[in-house]
Amino acid sequence: MSQPFAIARNAEGELLLLPGMANRHGCVTGATGTGKTVTLQCLAEAFSRLGTPVFLADAKGDLSGLSQAGTASPKMAQRLASLGMAEPAWQACPVTFWDVFGQAGHPLRATVSDIGPLLLASMLELNDTQEGVLNIVFRVADEEGQLLLDLKDLRAMLAHVSERAGELRARYGNVSPASVGAIQRSLLRLESQGAEGFFGEPMLALPDLMRTDAQGRGMVNILAAGRLMESPRLYGAVLLWLLAELYETLPEVGDPERPRLVFFFDEAHLLFNGASPALLEKIEQVVRLIRSKGVGVYFVTQNPLDIPDRVLGQLGNRIQHALRAFTPRDQKAVKTAAQTMRQRDGLDIEAAITELAVGEALVSLLDEKGRPRPTERAWIVPPASRIGPATDAERQSVMAVSGLGAKYDQAIDRESAYEALAARAEQGVQQAQVPAGKAGAGAAQDKSLMTSVNEALFGSVGPRGGRRDGIVQSAAKSAVRSVATSLVRGMLGSLLGRRR
């Protein structure tokens, strides 16, 4: 049985998170600079020590410090002494670095087919009509056995469907050139953001996210998200794709004694902003049902209002850092956060949210029956790993010993829709050229024959300019000579006759 672990402490004791309830999901909220990143780091360490792998996105680079052992700085020692906390046993976590762009970690890739039209439409910011055309492209590719692996495959398939628009209209509906052009422009914009390397092979194998080290500690998978945050739709789609893959791939396990994987979704508002109703429905479905796969999902964001109510209602474990009530929207967020946490006698949650210090939080965790415990005001325990980023040299050292470089660092471009359609087009050109060649040869032969007949009938000019008569000319001359001879003979004969 996995032992509960402390994530916070107050005068009354430690606040424990039960591993058997960790797959009931959770959220960590609070304003910038209030301690959310350190809280996330503490949770990742604790799950790793349990033997549970973790996946998290590192927006600022600070979480790379999980790969290095922490140190007792004077400031840290003073804080621990003032809170009456013992100094942690400083140690690093087993870490694997990933990066969609393949720069600060092993490349994280997915094929176009696996992303699917729904997520891809969100990533490309398509309207309903354009999304419908994209669905047709995927449907035709599936029916014709065309592999959509990377963006050039998708471009080729878009052009192919556009060329066959008249043929496909009766079966699938209209495929307008304007919609195809809009999708192509969106793909170009996505490529300009550097996302082209995300689509392709080798695609991430989920077992590589769920590894443990020789000591049985769960691997902490850190996705470098600093540059990825510049493309919010791509960021949200990448993380949601990973969740969907976990949901569709992992078998049902019910409620295990500890999660099989814990997934931290940092900057969660980037996922929900501008999401279509269909995408929101997909997110809610995944969050609601992935619990039975043994996966815990924790959303990390500044404001509880960033998470839709139907998703927020699925999040059982709550850690609320300070919020600043400077605007009407901030005041509404404070009230919403207070209303979603279980009340405790003697604690004014709404007032406390605006008074919390850095590193302090309101904590409400699930008990052994899955009920939220009364909210406690407490200090988050310090992490054992480094607070702050790892250096580039330290990052490269971790990547060198991960054992995954040979599998993922080199991209693979196998035959897919682009190559198949290009070969088909080339074959069509060759077939079109063969009859034309034959016709040309026949025309040349006919022309040569006519020239020979013409020369035979009407004569020709030799290489030195000499004239050679043809049959017609020879016959004409012969006829002229014959007529001339007859006339001469007649005339002569008449003369001669009369002379006789």
Protein backbone atom coordinates (compact mmCIF):
# COMPACT_ATOMS: atom_id res chain seq x y z
CA MET A 1 0.00 0.00 0.00
CA SER A 2 1.44 3.37 -1.02
CA GLN A 3 1.96 5.74 1.89
CA PRO A 4 0.36 9.21 1.93
CA PHE A 5 2.78 12.06 1.44
CA ALA A 6 2.83 15.58 2.82
CA ILE A 7 2.46 18.52 0.48
CA ALA A 8 1.89 21.25 3.09
CA ARG A 9 2.21 21.89 6.81
CA ASN A 10 0.61 24.20 9.37
CA ALA A 11 0.51 24.48 13.15
CA GLU A 12 -1.86 21.52 13.38
CA GLY A 13 0.36 19.15 11.40
CA GLU A 14 0.99 17.88 7.88
CA LEU A 15 -1.58 17.87 5.09
CA LEU A 16 -1.40 14.51 3.34
CA LEU A 17 -2.38 13.56 -0.18
CA LEU A 18 -3.63 9.99 -0.47
CA PRO A 19 -2.07 8.18 -3.49
CA GLY A 20 -5.27 6.17 -3.97
CA MET A 21 -7.16 9.45 -4.50
CA ALA A 22 -4.55 11.13 -6.69
CA ASN A 23 -6.25 9.94 -9.90
CA ARG A 24 -9.33 11.98 -8.93
CA HIS A 25 -7.50 14.91 -10.50
CA GLY A 26 -6.81 18.34 -9.07
CA CYS A 27 -5.85 21.94 -9.73
CA VAL A 28 -3.22 24.40 -8.56
CA THR A 29 -4.28 28.02 -8.96
CA GLY A 30 -2.92 31.40 -7.97
CA ALA A 31 -1.55 34.67 -9.26
CA THR A 32 1.89 35.00 -10.83
CA GLY A 33 4.70 34.82 -8.28
CA THR A 34 2.69 33.20 -5.47
CA GLY A 35 4.44 29.80 -5.56
CA LYS A 36 2.56 27.62 -8.06
CA THR A 37 5.76 26.41 -9.76
CA VAL A 38 7.33 25.26 -6.47
CA THR A 39 4.06 23.51 -5.53
CA LEU A 40 4.08 21.70 -8.87
CA GLN A 41 7.73 20.74 -8.27
CA CYS A 42 6.91 19.31 -4.83
CA LEU A 43 4.03 17.25 -6.22
CA ALA A 44 6.18 15.90 -9.08
CA GLU A 45 8.91 14.84 -6.64
CA ALA A 46 6.44 13.10 -4.33
CA PHE A 47 4.81 11.13 -7.13
CA SER A 48 8.22 10.16 -8.51
CA ARG A 49 9.27 8.79 -5.09
CA LEU A 50 6.08 6.70 -5.07
CA GLY A 51 7.12 5.11 -8.37
CA THR A 52 4.55 7.06 -10.42
CA PRO A 53 5.83 8.65 -13.66
CA VAL A 54 5.00 12.32 -14.20
CA PHE A 55 4.53 14.48 -17.29
CA LEU A 56 4.67 18.27 -17.03
CA ALA A 57 5.27 21.28 -19.25
CA ASP A 58 8.00 23.74 -18.23
CA ALA A 59 6.93 27.18 -19.40
CA LYS A 60 9.70 29.22 -17.80
CA GLY A 61 12.52 26.68 -17.62
CA ASP A 62 12.47 26.59 -13.80
CA LEU A 63 11.22 23.02 -13.55
CA SER A 64 14.36 21.68 -15.24
CA GLY A 65 15.89 22.01 -11.75
CA LEU A 66 14.10 18.75 -10.89
CA SER A 67 17.04 17.02 -12.59
CA GLN A 68 19.52 18.45 -10.04
CA ALA A 69 19.83 18.07 -6.26
CA GLY A 70 18.88 21.12 -4.21
CA THR A 71 21.10 22.93 -1.73
CA ALA A 72 20.49 24.58 1.62
CA SER A 73 20.79 28.28 0.81
CA PRO A 74 20.74 30.79 3.70
CA LYS A 75 17.32 32.01 2.61
CA MET A 76 15.97 28.45 2.51
CA ALA A 77 17.44 27.62 5.94
CA GLN A 78 15.87 30.76 7.42
CA ARG A 79 12.46 29.93 5.93
CA LEU A 80 12.57 26.33 7.21
CA ALA A 81 13.57 27.45 10.68
CA SER A 82 10.77 30.01 10.85
CA LEU A 83 8.20 27.42 9.82
CA GLY A 84 9.57 24.64 12.00
CA MET A 85 10.20 22.35 9.02
CA ALA A 86 13.08 19.90 8.74
CA GLU A 87 15.60 20.29 5.95
CA PRO A 88 14.76 17.87 3.11
CA ALA A 89 17.14 15.12 1.95
CA TRP A 90 18.51 16.91 -1.10
CA GLN A 91 18.35 14.78 -4.22
CA ALA A 92 17.58 14.97 -7.92
CA CYS A 93 14.71 13.23 -9.68
CA PRO A 94 15.12 10.94 -12.69
CA VAL A 95 14.24 13.24 -15.59
CA THR A 96 13.71 12.95 -19.34
CA PHE A 97 13.63 16.17 -21.37
CA TRP A 98 11.31 16.53 -24.39
CA ASP A 99 10.88 19.35 -26.89
CA VAL A 100 8.46 19.72 -29.80
CA PHE A 101 11.18 21.64 -31.66
CA GLY A 102 13.94 19.14 -30.78
CA GLN A 103 16.26 21.73 -29.21
CA ALA A 104 15.98 21.54 -25.41
CA GLY A 105 15.02 17.88 -25.30
CA HIS A 106 14.38 14.77 -27.36
CA PRO A 107 11.98 15.52 -30.24
CA LEU A 108 8.33 14.97 -29.39
CA ARG A 109 6.46 13.99 -32.56
CA ALA A 110 3.04 12.86 -33.67
CA THR A 111 1.68 11.96 -37.09
CA VAL A 112 -1.03 14.02 -38.75
CA SER A 113 -3.35 11.00 -38.67
CA ASP A 114 -2.93 10.58 -34.93
CA ILE A 115 -3.60 14.24 -34.22
CA GLY A 116 -6.86 13.91 -36.18
CA PRO A 117 -9.08 16.53 -37.82
CA LEU A 118 -10.66 17.87 -34.61
CA LEU A 119 -7.42 18.87 -32.90
CA LEU A 120 -5.82 19.91 -36.15
CA ALA A 121 -8.75 22.21 -36.94
CA SER A 122 -8.32 23.84 -33.53
CA MET A 123 -4.59 24.16 -34.08
CA LEU A 124 -5.16 25.81 -37.48
CA GLU A 125 -8.02 28.00 -36.17
CA LEU A 126 -10.40 26.85 -38.92
CA ASN A 127 -14.08 27.78 -39.17
CA ASP A 128 -16.85 25.18 -39.44
CA THR A 129 -16.77 25.03 -43.26
CA GLN A 130 -13.01 24.62 -43.40
CA GLU A 131 -13.12 22.01 -40.65
CA GLY A 132 -15.69 20.10 -42.74
CA VAL A 133 -13.32 20.11 -45.73
CA LEU A 134 -10.51 18.88 -43.48
CA ASN A 135 -12.73 16.00 -42.33
CA ILE A 136 -13.36 15.07 -45.97
CA VAL A 137 -9.61 15.01 -46.63
CA PHE A 138 -9.04 12.65 -43.70
CA ARG A 139 -11.97 10.45 -44.78
CA VAL A 140 -10.72 10.13 -48.37
CA ALA A 141 -7.19 9.38 -47.12
CA ASP A 142 -8.52 6.59 -44.88
CA GLU A 143 -10.65 5.03 -47.61
CA GLU A 144 -7.83 5.11 -50.16
CA GLY A 145 -5.17 3.89 -47.73
CA GLN A 146 -3.06 7.06 -47.91
CA LEU A 147 -0.80 7.62 -44.90
CA LEU A 148 -0.91 11.15 -43.47
CA LEU A 149 2.32 11.38 -41.49
CA ASP A 150 3.64 14.92 -41.91
CA LEU A 151 2.51 18.27 -43.27
CA LYS A 152 3.63 17.63 -46.83
CA ASP A 153 1.37 14.56 -46.85
CA LEU A 154 -1.53 16.73 -45.76
CA ARG A 155 -0.74 19.36 -48.38
CA ALA A 156 -0.60 16.73 -51.11
CA MET A 157 -3.90 15.22 -49.97
CA LEU A 158 -5.57 18.64 -49.89
CA ALA A 159 -4.50 19.28 -53.48
CA HIS A 160 -5.63 15.79 -54.51
CA VAL A 161 -9.11 16.23 -53.00
CA SER A 162 -9.40 19.70 -54.52
CA GLU A 163 -8.65 18.29 -57.99
CA ARG A 164 -11.36 15.66 -57.50
CA ALA A 165 -13.91 18.08 -56.01
CA GLY A 166 -16.46 17.42 -58.76
CA GLU A 167 -16.18 13.66 -58.35
CA LEU A 168 -16.41 13.80 -54.54
CA ARG A 169 -19.19 16.39 -54.28
CA ALA A 170 -22.08 13.94 -54.57
CA ARG A 171 -20.67 11.72 -51.83
CA TYR A 172 -19.13 14.10 -49.29
CA GLY A 173 -20.35 17.59 -50.16
CA ASN A 174 -18.76 20.63 -51.69
CA VAL A 175 -15.00 21.11 -51.50
CA SER A 176 -14.48 24.72 -52.49
CA PRO A 177 -11.09 26.03 -53.66
CA ALA A 178 -11.49 28.92 -51.18
CA SER A 179 -11.69 26.53 -48.21
CA VAL A 180 -8.74 24.49 -49.44
CA GLY A 181 -6.75 27.68 -49.92
CA ALA A 182 -7.59 28.86 -46.39
CA ILE A 183 -6.40 25.55 -44.93
CA GLN A 184 -3.17 25.74 -46.94
CA ARG A 185 -2.54 29.27 -45.63
CA SER A 186 -3.16 28.12 -42.06
CA LEU A 187 -0.67 25.30 -42.57
CA LEU A 188 1.86 27.84 -43.81
CA ARG A 189 1.31 29.92 -40.68
CA LEU A 190 1.76 26.84 -38.50
CA GLU A 191 5.00 25.99 -40.30
CA SER A 192 6.27 29.54 -39.76
CA GLN A 193 5.82 28.97 -36.02
CA GLY A 194 8.26 26.07 -36.25
CA ALA A 195 5.67 23.31 -35.81
CA GLU A 196 6.64 21.36 -38.93
CA GLY A 197 9.04 19.19 -36.92
CA PHE A 198 6.24 18.09 -34.58
CA PHE A 199 4.45 16.19 -37.34
CA GLY A 200 6.20 13.02 -38.44
CA GLU A 201 7.97 9.92 -37.23
CA PRO A 202 9.18 8.34 -35.05
CA MET A 203 6.10 9.16 -33.03
CA LEU A 204 6.25 9.16 -29.25
CA ALA A 205 5.63 5.72 -27.74
CA LEU A 206 3.60 6.07 -24.54
CA PRO A 207 5.61 3.44 -22.63
CA ASP A 208 8.57 5.83 -22.86
CA LEU A 209 6.60 8.27 -20.69
CA MET A 210 5.85 5.63 -18.08
CA ARG A 211 9.30 4.39 -17.17
CA THR A 212 10.94 4.00 -13.76
CA ASP A 213 14.63 4.14 -12.85
CA ALA A 214 16.74 1.43 -11.20
CA GLN A 215 15.57 2.58 -7.76
CA GLY A 216 11.91 2.27 -8.71
CA ARG A 217 11.31 6.02 -8.89
CA GLY A 218 8.93 7.26 -11.55
CA MET A 219 10.42 9.19 -14.48
CA VAL A 220 9.66 12.92 -14.52
CA ASN A 221 9.07 13.86 -18.17
CA ILE A 222 9.61 17.58 -18.71
CA LEU A 223 8.39 19.20 -21.92
CA ALA A 224 10.32 22.38 -22.74
CA ALA A 225 7.44 24.79 -23.35
CA GLY A 226 9.07 28.22 -23.40
CA ARG A 227 8.99 28.54 -27.18
CA LEU A 228 5.86 26.41 -27.46
CA MET A 229 3.91 28.98 -25.42
CA GLU A 230 4.36 31.42 -28.30
CA SER A 231 1.90 29.22 -30.24
CA PRO A 232 -0.94 28.73 -27.74
CA ARG A 233 -3.11 26.60 -30.04
CA LEU A 234 -0.20 24.28 -30.76
CA TYR A 235 0.63 24.02 -27.05
CA GLY A 236 -2.92 23.14 -26.10
CA ALA A 237 -3.27 20.65 -28.94
CA VAL A 238 0.00 18.86 -28.09
CA LEU A 239 -0.95 18.31 -24.46
CA LEU A 240 -4.53 17.35 -25.26
CA TRP A 241 -3.28 14.90 -27.87
CA LEU A 242 -1.11 13.24 -25.21
CA LEU A 243 -4.09 12.98 -22.87
CA ALA A 244 -6.26 11.52 -25.63
CA GLU A 245 -3.56 8.99 -26.53
CA LEU A 246 -3.33 7.90 -22.88
CA TYR A 247 -7.10 7.58 -22.69
CA GLU A 248 -7.38 5.55 -25.89
CA THR A 249 -4.35 3.33 -25.27
CA LEU A 250 -4.23 2.45 -21.57
CA PRO A 251 -6.44 -0.36 -20.24
CA GLU A 252 -9.01 0.11 -17.51
CA VAL A 253 -7.61 -0.36 -14.00
CA GLY A 254 -10.32 1.15 -11.80
CA ASP A 255 -8.90 2.81 -8.68
CA PRO A 256 -5.30 1.65 -8.19
CA GLU A 257 -3.42 2.21 -4.94
CA ARG A 258 -1.38 4.87 -6.74
CA PRO A 259 -1.71 6.49 -10.19
CA ARG A 260 -0.01 4.96 -13.21
CA LEU A 261 0.83 8.46 -14.45
CA VAL A 262 0.22 12.01 -13.27
CA PHE A 263 -0.21 14.67 -15.94
CA PHE A 264 0.26 18.36 -15.08
CA PHE A 265 -1.38 20.77 -17.52
CA ASP A 266 0.36 24.11 -16.89
CA GLU A 267 -1.08 27.38 -18.24
CA ALA A 268 -4.39 25.57 -18.65
CA HIS A 269 -6.20 28.68 -19.91
CA LEU A 270 -4.34 28.25 -23.22
CA LEU A 271 -6.25 25.02 -23.76
CA PHE A 272 -9.70 26.46 -23.18
CA ASN A 273 -9.43 29.92 -24.75
CA GLY A 274 -11.22 29.90 -28.09
CA ALA A 275 -11.88 26.14 -27.97
CA SER A 276 -14.87 25.00 -30.02
CA PRO A 277 -17.83 23.31 -28.28
CA ALA A 278 -16.79 19.99 -29.83
CA LEU A 279 -13.27 20.34 -28.43
CA LEU A 280 -14.55 21.32 -24.97
CA GLU A 281 -16.77 18.25 -25.01
CA LYS A 282 -13.76 16.11 -25.89
CA ILE A 283 -11.72 17.61 -23.04
CA GLU A 284 -14.51 16.99 -20.54
CA GLN A 285 -14.89 13.41 -21.72
CA VAL A 286 -11.17 12.69 -21.40
CA VAL A 287 -10.91 14.25 -17.93
CA ARG A 288 -13.99 12.42 -16.71
CA LEU A 289 -13.06 8.98 -18.00
CA ILE A 290 -9.27 8.87 -17.86
CA ARG A 291 -9.45 8.41 -14.08
CA SER A 292 -10.40 4.76 -14.64
CA LYS A 293 -7.18 4.35 -16.65
CA GLY A 294 -5.18 5.23 -13.53
CA VAL A 295 -4.13 8.68 -14.79
CA GLY A 296 -4.41 11.80 -12.64
CA VAL A 297 -4.72 15.18 -14.38
CA TYR A 298 -3.78 18.40 -12.56
CA PHE A 299 -4.54 21.77 -14.15
CA VAL A 300 -2.25 24.65 -13.22
CA THR A 301 -3.46 28.15 -13.98
CA GLN A 302 -3.76 31.62 -12.48
CA ASN A 303 -7.49 31.87 -12.14
CA PRO A 304 -10.16 29.23 -11.42
CA LEU A 305 -12.37 31.01 -13.94
CA ASP A 306 -9.94 29.86 -16.64
CA ILE A 307 -11.31 26.32 -16.32
CA PRO A 308 -14.87 25.60 -17.54
CA ASP A 309 -17.30 24.60 -14.78
CA ARG A 310 -17.92 21.13 -16.17
CA VAL A 311 -14.17 20.43 -16.07
CA LEU A 312 -13.57 22.21 -12.75
CA GLY A 313 -16.20 20.00 -11.15
CA GLN A 314 -14.05 16.93 -11.92
CA LEU A 315 -11.04 18.24 -9.97
CA GLY A 316 -11.07 16.87 -6.40
CA ASN A 317 -7.72 17.92 -4.93
CA ARG A 318 -7.38 21.72 -4.68
CA ILE A 319 -4.39 23.93 -3.87
CA GLN A 320 -5.20 27.63 -4.00
CA HIS A 321 -2.43 30.24 -3.80
CA ALA A 322 -3.04 33.93 -3.43
CA LEU A 323 -5.24 35.94 -5.80
CA ARG A 324 -5.25 39.71 -6.07
CA ALA A 325 -8.69 41.34 -6.04
CA PHE A 326 -7.85 44.58 -7.86
CA THR A 327 -10.56 44.45 -10.55
CA PRO A 328 -14.20 43.29 -10.66
CA ARG A 329 -13.10 40.18 -12.55
CA ASP A 330 -10.46 39.47 -9.88
CA GLN A 331 -13.07 39.85 -7.16
CA LYS A 332 -15.34 37.44 -9.02
CA ALA A 333 -12.45 34.95 -9.31
CA VAL A 334 -11.79 35.17 -5.56
CA LYS A 335 -15.44 34.51 -4.81
CA THR A 336 -15.57 31.60 -7.28
CA ALA A 337 -12.44 30.02 -5.80
CA ALA A 338 -13.83 30.35 -2.29
CA GLN A 339 -17.14 28.77 -3.28
CA THR A 340 -15.48 25.73 -4.88
CA MET A 341 -13.56 24.79 -1.71
CA ARG A 342 -15.08 23.10 1.30
CA GLN A 343 -15.67 25.53 4.14
CA ARG A 344 -13.96 25.19 7.50
CA ASP A 345 -15.17 26.67 10.76
CA GLY A 346 -13.14 29.69 11.74
CA LEU A 347 -11.61 30.24 8.28
CA ASP A 348 -12.86 32.98 5.97
CA ILE A 349 -11.70 31.47 2.67
CA GLU A 350 -12.59 34.48 0.55
CA ALA A 351 -10.59 36.84 2.75
CA ALA A 352 -7.71 34.41 3.17
CA ILE A 353 -7.19 34.04 -0.59
CA THR A 354 -6.18 37.70 -0.84
CA GLU A 355 -3.94 37.55 2.27
CA LEU A 356 -1.79 34.49 1.48
CA ALA A 357 1.97 34.98 1.39
CA VAL A 358 4.32 33.54 -1.22
CA GLY A 359 4.55 29.77 -0.65
CA GLU A 360 1.37 29.72 1.42
CA ALA A 361 -1.83 28.14 0.14
CA LEU A 362 -5.33 27.01 0.94
CA VAL A 363 -5.43 23.24 0.63
CA SER A 364 -8.40 20.89 0.33
CA LEU A 365 -7.60 17.23 -0.40
CA LEU A 366 -9.78 14.16 -0.76
CA ASP A 367 -10.18 11.74 2.14
CA GLU A 368 -10.17 7.95 1.84
CA LYS A 369 -13.84 7.99 0.76
CA GLY A 370 -13.26 10.55 -1.96
CA ARG A 371 -14.79 13.48 -0.03
CA PRO A 372 -13.09 16.89 0.04
CA ARG A 373 -11.57 17.64 3.40
CA PRO A 374 -12.23 21.01 5.03
CA THR A 375 -9.93 23.69 3.65
CA GLU A 376 -6.70 24.33 5.57
CA ARG A 377 -4.35 27.28 5.40
CA ALA A 378 -0.78 25.94 5.27
CA TRP A 379 2.76 26.32 3.88
CA ILE A 380 3.89 24.16 0.97
CA VAL A 381 6.76 21.84 1.90
CA PRO A 382 10.13 22.60 0.23
CA PRO A 383 11.31 20.46 -2.69
CA ALA A 384 14.45 18.31 -2.43
CA SER A 385 15.58 19.23 -5.92
CA ARG A 386 16.94 22.56 -7.10
CA ILE A 387 14.60 25.53 -7.13
CA GLY A 388 15.52 27.16 -10.40
CA PRO A 389 16.63 26.05 -13.87
CA ALA A 390 19.32 23.56 -14.82
CA THR A 391 22.19 24.84 -16.97
CA ASP A 392 22.46 23.92 -20.65
CA ALA A 393 25.40 21.63 -19.85
CA GLU A 394 23.40 19.85 -17.13
CA ARG A 395 20.46 19.45 -19.48
CA GLN A 396 22.66 17.97 -22.21
CA SER A 397 24.21 15.59 -19.69
CA VAL A 398 20.77 14.31 -18.66
CA MET A 399 19.76 13.86 -22.29
CA ALA A 400 22.95 11.94 -23.09
CA VAL A 401 22.19 9.21 -20.54
CA SER A 402 18.44 8.94 -21.14
CA GLY A 403 18.80 6.08 -23.64
CA LEU A 404 16.19 7.61 -25.95
CA GLY A 405 18.41 9.64 -28.26
CA ALA A 406 18.98 6.81 -30.72
CA LYS A 407 15.23 6.23 -30.96
CA TYR A 408 13.90 9.77 -31.36
CA ASP A 409 16.63 12.25 -32.29
CA GLN A 410 16.75 11.31 -35.99
CA ALA A 411 13.55 11.90 -38.01
CA ILE A 412 12.25 9.19 -40.37
CA ASP A 413 10.51 10.02 -43.66
CA ARG A 414 8.97 6.85 -45.06
CA GLU A 415 6.71 6.51 -48.08
CA SER A 416 3.33 8.06 -47.41
CA ALA A 417 0.60 10.09 -49.13
CA TYR A 418 2.99 12.67 -50.61
CA GLU A 419 5.18 10.07 -52.30
CA ALA A 420 2.22 7.93 -53.41
CA LEU A 421 0.34 10.86 -54.96
CA ALA A 422 3.51 12.22 -56.59
CA ALA A 423 4.20 8.81 -58.15
CA ARG A 424 0.59 8.59 -59.35
CA ALA A 425 0.82 12.04 -60.94
CA GLU A 426 4.11 11.19 -62.66
CA GLN A 427 2.64 7.96 -64.01
CA GLY A 428 -0.31 9.89 -65.40
CA VAL A 429 2.01 12.32 -67.18
CA GLN A 430 3.98 9.46 -68.70
CA GLN A 431 0.81 7.76 -69.91
CA ALA A 432 -0.33 11.02 -71.47
CA GLN A 433 3.00 11.43 -73.21
CA VAL A 434 3.08 7.92 -74.74
CA PRO A 435 0.04 8.36 -77.09
CA ALA A 436 1.29 11.82 -77.98
CA GLY A 437 4.66 10.33 -78.89
CA LYS A 438 3.04 7.67 -80.99
CA ALA A 439 0.86 10.25 -82.71
CA GLY A 440 3.92 12.36 -83.34
CA ALA A 441 5.82 9.41 -84.77
CA GLY A 442 2.85 8.52 -86.95
CA ALA A 443 2.55 12.09 -88.13
CA ALA A 444 6.25 12.16 -88.92
CA GLN A 445 5.94 8.91 -90.84
CA ASP A 446 2.93 10.24 -92.74
CA LYS A 447 4.78 13.46 -93.47
CA SER A 448 7.80 11.52 -94.75
CA LEU A 449 5.58 9.38 -96.96
CA MET A 450 3.78 12.37 -98.39
CA THR A 451 7.11 14.04 -99.08
CA SER A 452 8.32 10.96 -100.95
CA VAL A 453 5.09 10.76 -102.96
CA ASN A 454 5.24 14.48 -103.70
CA GLU A 455 8.84 14.21 -104.87
CA ALA A 456 8.04 11.15 -106.95
CA LEU A 457 5.09 12.89 -108.60
CA PHE A 458 6.33 16.43 -108.91
CA GLY A 459 10.10 16.13 -108.66
CA SER A 460 12.69 17.41 -106.25
CA VAL A 461 15.73 19.64 -105.92
CA GLY A 462 19.07 17.94 -105.40
CA PRO A 463 21.74 18.96 -102.88
CA ARG A 464 23.56 21.06 -105.53
CA GLY A 465 20.42 22.80 -106.75
CA GLY A 466 19.85 20.50 -109.70
CA ARG A 467 16.26 19.81 -110.63
CA ARG A 468 14.98 16.26 -110.91
CA ASP A 469 11.66 15.73 -112.66
CA GLY A 470 8.87 13.71 -111.19
CA ILE A 471 6.37 11.42 -112.85
CA VAL A 472 3.89 14.18 -113.60
CA GLN A 473 6.53 16.42 -115.08
CA SER A 474 8.06 13.60 -117.13
CA ALA A 475 4.63 12.55 -118.41
CA ALA A 476 3.77 16.12 -119.31
CA LYS A 477 7.00 16.59 -121.18
CA SER A 478 6.50 13.26 -122.94
CA ALA A 479 2.97 14.26 -123.95
CA VAL A 480 4.21 17.60 -125.24
CA ARG A 481 6.93 15.88 -127.23
CA SER A 482 4.43 13.40 -128.66
CA VAL A 483 1.98 16.10 -129.68
CA ALA A 484 4.79 18.18 -131.20
CA THR A 485 6.07 15.19 -133.22
CA SER A 486 2.58 14.44 -134.53
CA LEU A 487 2.11 17.99 -135.65
CA VAL A 488 5.46 18.04 -137.37
CA ARG A 489 4.78 14.73 -139.08
CA GLY A 490 1.34 15.84 -140.21
CA MET A 491 2.58 19.05 -141.50
CA LEU A 492 5.49 17.34 -143.15
CA GLY A 493 3.28 14.60 -144.44
CA SER A 494 0.80 17.03 -145.93
CA LEU A 495 3.53 18.90 -147.52
CA LEU A 496 5.11 15.82 -148.75
CA GLY A 497 1.83 14.42 -149.88
CA ARG A 498 0.86 17.39 -151.82
CA ARG A 499 4.34 17.48 -153.17
CA ARG A 500 3.80 14.05 -154.39
